[in-house]
Amino acid sequence: MKSAILAGAMTLAIGTAAFANGLYWVVGNRATNKCEIVTGNPVIYPYGGGDFWFGDGPYRSTADAELARSTIGVCPKDDPQDQPRAECDGRCEQQN
């Protein structure tokens, strides 16, 4: 019986990790004091410590995460034209 429960728990953990691929979260970064979009499920420490002080998500696309970031009150209101898109990682050409 214990082995069946252990096997079920391991299957659930692996399935949850696999399901998280391709998803996006909005997090507040303590070091930069900015809101960022990340592709991994963030670890949030509510009483300090760690890099992130809040997290919101998951979202299915970067567009959804960017929309959510624009509605979070503690996130600075940056001009989206000034920021490189997450898919580009700074290697895309500027569109005029």
PDB file of N, CA and C in Angstrom:
ATOM      1  N   MET A   1       0.824  -1.198   0.000  1.00  0.00           N
ATOM      2  CA  MET A   1       0.000   0.000   0.000  1.00  0.00           C
ATOM      3  C   MET A   1       0.870   1.265   0.000  1.00  0.00           C
ATOM      4  N   LYS A   2       1.928   1.249   0.814  1.00  0.00           N
ATOM      5  CA  LYS A   2       2.814   2.407   0.887  1.00  0.00           C
ATOM      6  C   LYS A   2       3.495   2.659  -0.456  1.00  0.00           C
ATOM      7  N   SER A   3       3.854   1.580  -1.148  1.00  0.00           N
ATOM      8  CA  SER A   3       4.521   1.758  -2.439  1.00  0.00           C
ATOM      9  C   SER A   3       3.566   2.359  -3.475  1.00  0.00           C
ATOM     10  N   ALA A   4       2.285   2.023  -3.394  1.00  0.00           N
ATOM     11  CA  ALA A   4       1.301   2.598  -4.318  1.00  0.00           C
ATOM     12  C   ALA A   4       1.130   4.092  -4.054  1.00  0.00           C
ATOM     13  N   ILE A   5       1.101   4.474  -2.798  1.00  0.00           N
ATOM     14  CA  ILE A   5       0.971   5.890  -2.447  1.00  0.00           C
ATOM     15  C   ILE A   5       2.216   6.652  -2.882  1.00  0.00           C
ATOM     16  N   LEU A   6       3.395   6.078  -2.647  1.00  0.00           N
ATOM     17  CA  LEU A   6       4.637   6.714  -3.055  1.00  0.00           C
ATOM     18  C   LEU A   6       4.704   6.861  -4.575  1.00  0.00           C
ATOM     19  N   ALA A   7       4.288   5.822  -5.299  1.00  0.00           N
ATOM     20  CA  ALA A   7       4.285   5.894  -6.766  1.00  0.00           C
ATOM     21  C   ALA A   7       3.316   6.964  -7.250  1.00  0.00           C
ATOM     22  N   GLY A   8       2.168   7.087  -6.632  1.00  0.00           N
ATOM     23  CA  GLY A   8       1.196   8.118  -7.000  1.00  0.00           C
ATOM     24  C   GLY A   8       1.719   9.520  -6.739  1.00  0.00           C
ATOM     25  N   ALA A   9       2.385   9.688  -5.605  1.00  0.00           N
ATOM     26  CA  ALA A   9       2.943  11.002  -5.274  1.00  0.00           C
ATOM     27  C   ALA A   9       4.043  11.386  -6.250  1.00  0.00           C
ATOM     28  N   MET A  10       4.880  10.426  -6.621  1.00  0.00           N
ATOM     29  CA  MET A  10       5.955  10.723  -7.576  1.00  0.00           C
ATOM     30  C   MET A  10       5.384  11.049  -8.955  1.00  0.00           C
ATOM     31  N   THR A  11       4.366  10.332  -9.364  1.00  0.00           N
ATOM     32  CA  THR A  11       3.727  10.610 -10.651  1.00  0.00           C
ATOM     33  C   THR A  11       3.108  11.998 -10.658  1.00  0.00           C
ATOM     34  N   LEU A  12       2.475  12.377  -9.586  1.00  0.00           N
ATOM     35  CA  LEU A  12       1.881  13.709  -9.470  1.00  0.00           C
ATOM     36  C   LEU A  12       2.947  14.794  -9.520  1.00  0.00           C
ATOM     37  N   ALA A  13       4.060  14.593  -8.836  1.00  0.00           N
ATOM     38  CA  ALA A  13       5.135  15.596  -8.832  1.00  0.00           C
ATOM     39  C   ALA A  13       5.750  15.753 -10.216  1.00  0.00           C
ATOM     40  N   ILE A  14       5.995  14.655 -10.891  1.00  0.00           N
ATOM     41  CA  ILE A  14       6.574  14.717 -12.235  1.00  0.00           C
ATOM     42  C   ILE A  14       5.581  15.330 -13.217  1.00  0.00           C
ATOM     43  N   GLY A  15       4.329  14.962 -13.106  1.00  0.00           N
ATOM     44  CA  GLY A  15       3.296  15.517 -13.994  1.00  0.00           C
ATOM     45  C   GLY A  15       3.109  17.010 -13.799  1.00  0.00           C
ATOM     46  N   THR A  16       3.194  17.464 -12.555  1.00  0.00           N
ATOM     47  CA  THR A  16       3.062  18.893 -12.280  1.00  0.00           C
ATOM     48  C   THR A  16       4.229  19.666 -12.875  1.00  0.00           C
ATOM     49  N   ALA A  17       5.438  19.134 -12.765  1.00  0.00           N
ATOM     50  CA  ALA A  17       6.606  19.798 -13.336  1.00  0.00           C
ATOM     51  C   ALA A  17       6.524  19.840 -14.860  1.00  0.00           C
ATOM     52  N   ALA A  18       6.048  18.774 -15.463  1.00  0.00           N
ATOM     53  CA  ALA A  18       5.920  18.746 -16.918  1.00  0.00           C
ATOM     54  C   ALA A  18       4.828  19.692 -17.399  1.00  0.00           C
ATOM     55  N   PHE A  19       3.776  19.840 -16.625  1.00  0.00           N
ATOM     56  CA  PHE A  19       2.686  20.728 -16.995  1.00  0.00           C
ATOM     57  C   PHE A  19       3.121  22.191 -16.976  1.00  0.00           C
ATOM     58  N   ALA A  20       4.104  22.518 -16.158  1.00  0.00           N
ATOM     59  CA  ALA A  20       4.544  23.905 -16.021  1.00  0.00           C
ATOM     60  C   ALA A  20       5.348  24.400 -17.222  1.00  0.00           C
ATOM     61  N   ASN A  21       5.761  23.524 -18.120  1.00  0.00           N
ATOM     62  CA  ASN A  21       6.524  23.951 -19.294  1.00  0.00           C
ATOM     63  C   ASN A  21       5.670  24.835 -20.185  1.00  0.00           C
ATOM     64  N   GLY A  22       6.252  25.923 -20.660  1.00  0.00           N
ATOM     65  CA  GLY A  22       5.545  26.813 -21.565  1.00  0.00           C
ATOM     66  C   GLY A  22       4.633  27.805 -20.870  1.00  0.00           C
ATOM     67  N   LEU A  23       4.711  27.914 -19.550  1.00  0.00           N
ATOM     68  CA  LEU A  23       3.881  28.852 -18.811  1.00  0.00           C
ATOM     69  C   LEU A  23       4.746  29.999 -18.302  1.00  0.00           C
ATOM     70  N   TYR A  24       4.087  31.099 -17.941  1.00  0.00           N
ATOM     71  CA  TYR A  24       4.780  32.323 -17.528  1.00  0.00           C
ATOM     72  C   TYR A  24       4.184  32.839 -16.228  1.00  0.00           C
ATOM     73  N   TRP A  25       5.030  33.413 -15.380  1.00  0.00           N
ATOM     74  CA  TRP A  25       4.614  34.017 -14.121  1.00  0.00           C
ATOM     75  C   TRP A  25       5.125  35.449 -14.059  1.00  0.00           C
ATOM     76  N   VAL A  26       4.366  36.322 -13.377  1.00  0.00           N
ATOM     77  CA  VAL A  26       4.809  37.684 -13.089  1.00  0.00           C
ATOM     78  C   VAL A  26       5.290  37.681 -11.646  1.00  0.00           C
ATOM     79  N   VAL A  27       6.529  38.126 -11.432  1.00  0.00           N
ATOM     80  CA  VAL A  27       7.105  38.131 -10.089  1.00  0.00           C
ATOM     81  C   VAL A  27       7.667  39.504  -9.767  1.00  0.00           C
ATOM     82  N   GLY A  28       7.681  39.842  -8.491  1.00  0.00           N
ATOM     83  CA  GLY A  28       8.338  41.054  -8.013  1.00  0.00           C
ATOM     84  C   GLY A  28       9.735  40.686  -7.551  1.00  0.00           C
ATOM     85  N   ASN A  29      10.748  41.273  -8.146  1.00  0.00           N
ATOM     86  CA  ASN A  29      12.140  40.965  -7.827  1.00  0.00           C
ATOM     87  C   ASN A  29      12.634  41.931  -6.761  1.00  0.00           C
ATOM     88  N   ARG A  30      13.076  41.408  -5.630  1.00  0.00           N
ATOM     89  CA  ARG A  30      13.565  42.250  -4.534  1.00  0.00           C
ATOM     90  C   ARG A  30      14.825  43.022  -4.921  1.00  0.00           C
ATOM     91  N   ALA A  31      15.722  42.381  -5.654  1.00  0.00           N
ATOM     92  CA  ALA A  31      17.017  42.996  -5.968  1.00  0.00           C
ATOM     93  C   ALA A  31      16.863  44.197  -6.895  1.00  0.00           C
ATOM     94  N   THR A  32      16.000  44.090  -7.898  1.00  0.00           N
ATOM     95  CA  THR A  32      15.847  45.173  -8.872  1.00  0.00           C
ATOM     96  C   THR A  32      14.655  46.067  -8.578  1.00  0.00           C
ATOM     97  N   ASN A  33      13.785  45.637  -7.664  1.00  0.00           N
ATOM     98  CA  ASN A  33      12.559  46.361  -7.332  1.00  0.00           C
ATOM     99  C   ASN A  33      11.689  46.572  -8.571  1.00  0.00           C
ATOM    100  N   LYS A  34      11.656  45.568  -9.445  1.00  0.00           N
ATOM    101  CA  LYS A  34      10.844  45.612 -10.654  1.00  0.00           C
ATOM    102  C   LYS A  34      10.029  44.337 -10.770  1.00  0.00           C
ATOM    103  N   CYS A  35       9.037  44.376 -11.621  1.00  0.00           N
ATOM    104  CA  CYS A  35       8.245  43.195 -11.933  1.00  0.00           C
ATOM    105  C   CYS A  35       8.818  42.547 -13.185  1.00  0.00           C
ATOM    106  N   GLU A  36       8.995  41.238 -13.130  1.00  0.00           N
ATOM    107  CA  GLU A  36       9.574  40.508 -14.241  1.00  0.00           C
ATOM    108  C   GLU A  36       8.653  39.363 -14.638  1.00  0.00           C
ATOM    109  N   ILE A  37       8.823  38.909 -15.867  1.00  0.00           N
ATOM    110  CA  ILE A  37       8.100  37.738 -16.348  1.00  0.00           C
ATOM    111  C   ILE A  37       9.107  36.602 -16.428  1.00  0.00           C
ATOM    112  N   VAL A  38       8.815  35.497 -15.734  1.00  0.00           N
ATOM    113  CA  VAL A  38       9.714  34.349 -15.701  1.00  0.00           C
ATOM    114  C   VAL A  38       9.002  33.122 -16.256  1.00  0.00           C
ATOM    115  N   THR A  39       9.793  32.142 -16.686  1.00  0.00           N
ATOM    116  CA  THR A  39       9.212  30.938 -17.276  1.00  0.00           C
ATOM    117  C   THR A  39       9.191  29.760 -16.320  1.00  0.00           C
ATOM    118  N   GLY A  40       9.734  29.925 -15.131  1.00  0.00           N
ATOM    119  CA  GLY A  40       9.703  28.857 -14.136  1.00  0.00           C
ATOM    120  C   GLY A  40       8.830  29.245 -12.960  1.00  0.00           C
ATOM    121  N   ASN A  41       8.223  28.252 -12.328  1.00  0.00           N
ATOM    122  CA  ASN A  41       7.371  28.513 -11.173  1.00  0.00           C
ATOM    123  C   ASN A  41       8.241  29.073 -10.049  1.00  0.00           C
ATOM    124  N   PRO A  42       8.020  30.328  -9.639  1.00  0.00           N
ATOM    125  CA  PRO A  42       8.897  30.952  -8.647  1.00  0.00           C
ATOM    126  C   PRO A  42       8.644  30.439  -7.232  1.00  0.00           C
ATOM    127  N   VAL A  43       9.691  30.451  -6.421  1.00  0.00           N
ATOM    128  CA  VAL A  43       9.580  30.127  -5.001  1.00  0.00           C
ATOM    129  C   VAL A  43       9.483  31.447  -4.259  1.00  0.00           C
ATOM    130  N   ILE A  44       8.389  31.628  -3.539  1.00  0.00           N
ATOM    131  CA  ILE A  44       8.126  32.885  -2.830  1.00  0.00           C
ATOM    132  C   ILE A  44       8.298  32.645  -1.334  1.00  0.00           C
ATOM    133  N   TYR A  45       9.130  33.463  -0.691  1.00  0.00           N
ATOM    134  CA  TYR A  45       9.294  33.411   0.752  1.00  0.00           C
ATOM    135  C   TYR A  45       8.530  34.591   1.343  1.00  0.00           C
ATOM    136  N   PRO A  46       7.419  34.330   2.046  1.00  0.00           N
ATOM    137  CA  PRO A  46       6.576  35.431   2.517  1.00  0.00           C
ATOM    138  C   PRO A  46       7.210  36.298   3.601  1.00  0.00           C
ATOM    139  N   TYR A  47       8.191  35.793   4.318  1.00  0.00           N
ATOM    140  CA  TYR A  47       8.773  36.560   5.423  1.00  0.00           C
ATOM    141  C   TYR A  47      10.203  37.000   5.122  1.00  0.00           C
ATOM    142  N   GLY A  48      10.464  37.317   3.872  1.00  0.00           N
ATOM    143  CA  GLY A  48      11.797  37.774   3.498  1.00  0.00           C
ATOM    144  C   GLY A  48      12.660  36.620   3.024  1.00  0.00           C
ATOM    145  N   GLY A  49      13.812  36.978   2.526  1.00  0.00           N
ATOM    146  CA  GLY A  49      14.690  35.951   1.976  1.00  0.00           C
ATOM    147  C   GLY A  49      14.250  35.610   0.559  1.00  0.00           C
ATOM    148  N   GLY A  50      15.146  35.153  -0.231  1.00  0.00           N
ATOM    149  CA  GLY A  50      14.804  34.818  -1.610  1.00  0.00           C
ATOM    150  C   GLY A  50      14.770  36.059  -2.487  1.00  0.00           C
ATOM    151  N   ASP A  51      14.656  35.834  -3.771  1.00  0.00           N
ATOM    152  CA  ASP A  51      14.689  36.937  -4.731  1.00  0.00           C
ATOM    153  C   ASP A  51      13.323  37.574  -4.966  1.00  0.00           C
ATOM    154  N   PHE A  52      12.250  36.822  -4.787  1.00  0.00           N
ATOM    155  CA  PHE A  52      10.917  37.299  -5.176  1.00  0.00           C
ATOM    156  C   PHE A  52      10.064  37.592  -3.956  1.00  0.00           C
ATOM    157  N   TRP A  53       9.326  38.710  -4.017  1.00  0.00           N
ATOM    158  CA  TRP A  53       8.450  39.055  -2.912  1.00  0.00           C
ATOM    159  C   TRP A  53       6.982  38.855  -3.241  1.00  0.00           C
ATOM    160  N   PHE A  54       6.633  38.625  -4.510  1.00  0.00           N
ATOM    161  CA  PHE A  54       5.291  38.175  -4.858  1.00  0.00           C
ATOM    162  C   PHE A  54       5.361  37.477  -6.205  1.00  0.00           C
ATOM    163  N   GLY A  55       4.351  36.670  -6.475  1.00  0.00           N
ATOM    164  CA  GLY A  55       4.263  35.982  -7.754  1.00  0.00           C
ATOM    165  C   GLY A  55       2.809  35.858  -8.166  1.00  0.00           C
ATOM    166  N   ASP A  56       2.563  35.933  -9.454  1.00  0.00           N
ATOM    167  CA  ASP A  56       1.204  35.834  -9.976  1.00  0.00           C
ATOM    168  C   ASP A  56       1.257  34.992 -11.245  1.00  0.00           C
ATOM    169  N   GLY A  57       0.353  34.075 -11.390  1.00  0.00           N
ATOM    170  CA  GLY A  57       0.338  33.243 -12.585  1.00  0.00           C
ATOM    171  C   GLY A  57      -0.121  31.846 -12.227  1.00  0.00           C
ATOM    172  N   PRO A  58      -0.018  30.931 -13.123  1.00  0.00           N
ATOM    173  CA  PRO A  58       0.669  30.958 -14.409  1.00  0.00           C
ATOM    174  C   PRO A  58      -0.205  31.512 -15.528  1.00  0.00           C
ATOM    175  N   TYR A  59       0.467  31.972 -16.571  1.00  0.00           N
ATOM    176  CA  TYR A  59      -0.196  32.467 -17.779  1.00  0.00           C
ATOM    177  C   TYR A  59       0.295  31.652 -18.968  1.00  0.00           C
ATOM    178  N   ARG A  60      -0.546  31.512 -19.977  1.00  0.00           N
ATOM    179  CA  ARG A  60      -0.217  30.665 -21.120  1.00  0.00           C
ATOM    180  C   ARG A  60       0.663  31.346 -22.158  1.00  0.00           C
ATOM    181  N   SER A  61       0.741  32.667 -22.153  1.00  0.00           N
ATOM    182  CA  SER A  61       1.574  33.369 -23.138  1.00  0.00           C
ATOM    183  C   SER A  61       2.204  34.591 -22.483  1.00  0.00           C
ATOM    184  N   THR A  62       3.238  35.112 -23.137  1.00  0.00           N
ATOM    185  CA  THR A  62       3.866  36.321 -22.615  1.00  0.00           C
ATOM    186  C   THR A  62       2.925  37.509 -22.717  1.00  0.00           C
ATOM    187  N   ALA A  63       2.064  37.505 -23.735  1.00  0.00           N
ATOM    188  CA  ALA A  63       1.096  38.602 -23.874  1.00  0.00           C
ATOM    189  C   ALA A  63       0.142  38.621 -22.680  1.00  0.00           C
ATOM    190  N   ASP A  64      -0.307  37.442 -22.239  1.00  0.00           N
ATOM    191  CA  ASP A  64      -1.170  37.378 -21.063  1.00  0.00           C
ATOM    192  C   ASP A  64      -0.433  37.849 -19.814  1.00  0.00           C
ATOM    193  N   ALA A  65       0.833  37.443 -19.676  1.00  0.00           N
ATOM    194  CA  ALA A  65       1.627  37.855 -18.512  1.00  0.00           C
ATOM    195  C   ALA A  65       1.883  39.357 -18.530  1.00  0.00           C
ATOM    196  N   GLU A  66       2.148  39.921 -19.708  1.00  0.00           N
ATOM    197  CA  GLU A  66       2.367  41.368 -19.812  1.00  0.00           C
ATOM    198  C   GLU A  66       1.096  42.137 -19.471  1.00  0.00           C
ATOM    199  N   LEU A  67      -0.052  41.626 -19.903  1.00  0.00           N
ATOM    200  CA  LEU A  67      -1.325  42.268 -19.556  1.00  0.00           C
ATOM    201  C   LEU A  67      -1.536  42.218 -18.049  1.00  0.00           C
ATOM    202  N   ALA A  68      -1.253  41.074 -17.449  1.00  0.00           N
ATOM    203  CA  ALA A  68      -1.406  40.947 -15.996  1.00  0.00           C
ATOM    204  C   ALA A  68      -0.457  41.882 -15.269  1.00  0.00           C
ATOM    205  N   ARG A  69       0.789  41.982 -15.749  1.00  0.00           N
ATOM    206  CA  ARG A  69       1.772  42.872 -15.119  1.00  0.00           C
ATOM    207  C   ARG A  69       1.290  44.319 -15.163  1.00  0.00           C
ATOM    208  N   SER A  70       0.611  44.704 -16.236  1.00  0.00           N
ATOM    209  CA  SER A  70       0.137  46.083 -16.349  1.00  0.00           C
ATOM    210  C   SER A  70      -1.005  46.389 -15.377  1.00  0.00           C
ATOM    211  N   THR A  71      -1.653  45.357 -14.845  1.00  0.00           N
ATOM    212  CA  THR A  71      -2.759  45.579 -13.917  1.00  0.00           C
ATOM    213  C   THR A  71      -2.350  45.458 -12.454  1.00  0.00           C
ATOM    214  N   ILE A  72      -1.119  45.048 -12.186  1.00  0.00           N
ATOM    215  CA  ILE A  72      -0.642  44.894 -10.805  1.00  0.00           C
ATOM    216  C   ILE A  72      -0.156  46.260 -10.319  1.00  0.00           C
ATOM    217  N   GLY A  73      -0.736  46.745  -9.237  1.00  0.00           N
ATOM    218  CA  GLY A  73      -0.475  48.099  -8.751  1.00  0.00           C
ATOM    219  C   GLY A  73       0.949  48.372  -8.335  1.00  0.00           C
ATOM    220  N   VAL A  74       1.679  47.383  -7.833  1.00  0.00           N
ATOM    221  CA  VAL A  74       3.036  47.621  -7.351  1.00  0.00           C
ATOM    222  C   VAL A  74       4.073  47.572  -8.473  1.00  0.00           C
ATOM    223  N   CYS A  75       3.670  47.188  -9.663  1.00  0.00           N
ATOM    224  CA  CYS A  75       4.606  47.139 -10.792  1.00  0.00           C
ATOM    225  C   CYS A  75       4.727  48.523 -11.415  1.00  0.00           C
ATOM    226  N   PRO A  76       5.968  48.963 -11.696  1.00  0.00           N
ATOM    227  CA  PRO A  76       6.135  50.267 -12.342  1.00  0.00           C
ATOM    228  C   PRO A  76       5.518  50.262 -13.732  1.00  0.00           C
ATOM    229  N   LYS A  77       4.970  51.385 -14.116  1.00  0.00           N
ATOM    230  CA  LYS A  77       4.326  51.508 -15.424  1.00  0.00           C
ATOM    231  C   LYS A  77       5.364  51.911 -16.457  1.00  0.00           C
ATOM    232  N   ASP A  78       6.071  50.924 -17.025  1.00  0.00           N
ATOM    233  CA  ASP A  78       7.074  51.172 -18.054  1.00  0.00           C
ATOM    234  C   ASP A  78       6.402  51.244 -19.413  1.00  0.00           C
ATOM    235  N   ASP A  79       7.023  51.973 -20.317  1.00  0.00           N
ATOM    236  CA  ASP A  79       6.562  52.013 -21.690  1.00  0.00           C
ATOM    237  C   ASP A  79       6.961  50.701 -22.361  1.00  0.00           C
ATOM    238  N   PRO A  80       6.005  49.897 -22.863  1.00  0.00           N
ATOM    239  CA  PRO A  80       6.348  48.616 -23.473  1.00  0.00           C
ATOM    240  C   PRO A  80       7.294  48.747 -24.656  1.00  0.00           C
ATOM    241  N   GLN A  81       7.338  49.896 -25.327  1.00  0.00           N
ATOM    242  CA  GLN A  81       8.234  50.084 -26.466  1.00  0.00           C
ATOM    243  C   GLN A  81       9.699  50.137 -26.029  1.00  0.00           C
ATOM    244  N   ASP A  82       9.946  50.502 -24.761  1.00  0.00           N
ATOM    245  CA  ASP A  82      11.309  50.604 -24.261  1.00  0.00           C
ATOM    246  C   ASP A  82      11.884  49.257 -23.837  1.00  0.00           C
ATOM    247  N   GLN A  83      11.015  48.260 -23.621  1.00  0.00           N
ATOM    248  CA  GLN A  83      11.450  46.970 -23.137  1.00  0.00           C
ATOM    249  C   GLN A  83      11.534  45.962 -24.280  1.00  0.00           C
ATOM    250  N   PRO A  84      12.617  45.162 -24.354  1.00  0.00           N
ATOM    251  CA  PRO A  84      12.668  44.100 -25.361  1.00  0.00           C
ATOM    252  C   PRO A  84      11.658  43.017 -25.013  1.00  0.00           C
ATOM    253  N   ARG A  85      11.089  42.390 -26.007  1.00  0.00           N
ATOM    254  CA  ARG A  85      10.132  41.317 -25.786  1.00  0.00           C
ATOM    255  C   ARG A  85      10.858  40.117 -25.195  1.00  0.00           C
ATOM    256  N   ALA A  86      10.160  39.342 -24.396  1.00  0.00           N
ATOM    257  CA  ALA A  86      10.771  38.202 -23.717  1.00  0.00           C
ATOM    258  C   ALA A  86      11.272  37.156 -24.703  1.00  0.00           C
ATOM    259  N   GLU A  87      10.619  37.012 -25.843  1.00  0.00           N
ATOM    260  CA  GLU A  87      11.030  36.013 -26.814  1.00  0.00           C
ATOM    261  C   GLU A  87      12.360  36.391 -27.465  1.00  0.00           C
ATOM    262  N   CYS A  88      12.689  37.674 -27.482  1.00  0.00           N
ATOM    263  CA  CYS A  88      13.876  38.148 -28.189  1.00  0.00           C
ATOM    264  C   CYS A  88      15.136  38.050 -27.342  1.00  0.00           C
ATOM    265  N   ASP A  89      15.022  38.217 -26.039  1.00  0.00           N
ATOM    266  CA  ASP A  89      16.165  38.261 -25.144  1.00  0.00           C
ATOM    267  C   ASP A  89      17.186  39.295 -25.592  1.00  0.00           C
ATOM    268  N   GLY A  90      16.736  40.428 -26.135  1.00  0.00           N
ATOM    269  CA  GLY A  90      17.616  41.512 -26.543  1.00  0.00           C
ATOM    270  C   GLY A  90      18.270  41.312 -27.893  1.00  0.00           C
ATOM    271  N   ARG A  91      17.948  40.247 -28.613  1.00  0.00           N
ATOM    272  CA  ARG A  91      18.581  39.984 -29.909  1.00  0.00           C
ATOM    273  C   ARG A  91      17.704  40.379 -31.091  1.00  0.00           C
ATOM    274  N   CYS A  92      16.519  40.892 -30.857  1.00  0.00           N
ATOM    275  CA  CYS A  92      15.615  41.261 -31.938  1.00  0.00           C
ATOM    276  C   CYS A  92      15.917  42.682 -32.420  1.00  0.00           C
ATOM    277  N   GLU A  93      15.558  42.950 -33.649  1.00  0.00           N
ATOM    278  CA  GLU A  93      15.715  44.299 -34.186  1.00  0.00           C
ATOM    279  C   GLU A  93      14.556  45.159 -33.733  1.00  0.00           C
ATOM    280  N   GLN A  94      14.827  46.437 -33.533  1.00  0.00           N
ATOM    281  CA  GLN A  94      13.776  47.379 -33.179  1.00  0.00           C
ATOM    282  C   GLN A  94      12.889  47.623 -34.390  1.00  0.00           C
ATOM    283  N   GLN A  95      11.592  47.591 -34.163  1.00  0.00           N
ATOM    284  CA  GLN A  95      10.652  47.910 -35.234  1.00  0.00           C
ATOM    285  C   GLN A  95      10.282  49.369 -35.146  1.00  0.00           C
ATOM    286  N   ASN A  96      10.295  50.063 -36.266  1.00  0.00           N
ATOM    287  CA  ASN A  96       9.938  51.481 -36.271  1.00  0.00           C
ATOM    288  C   ASN A  96       8.556  51.683 -36.813  1.00  0.00           C
TER     289      ASN A  96
END
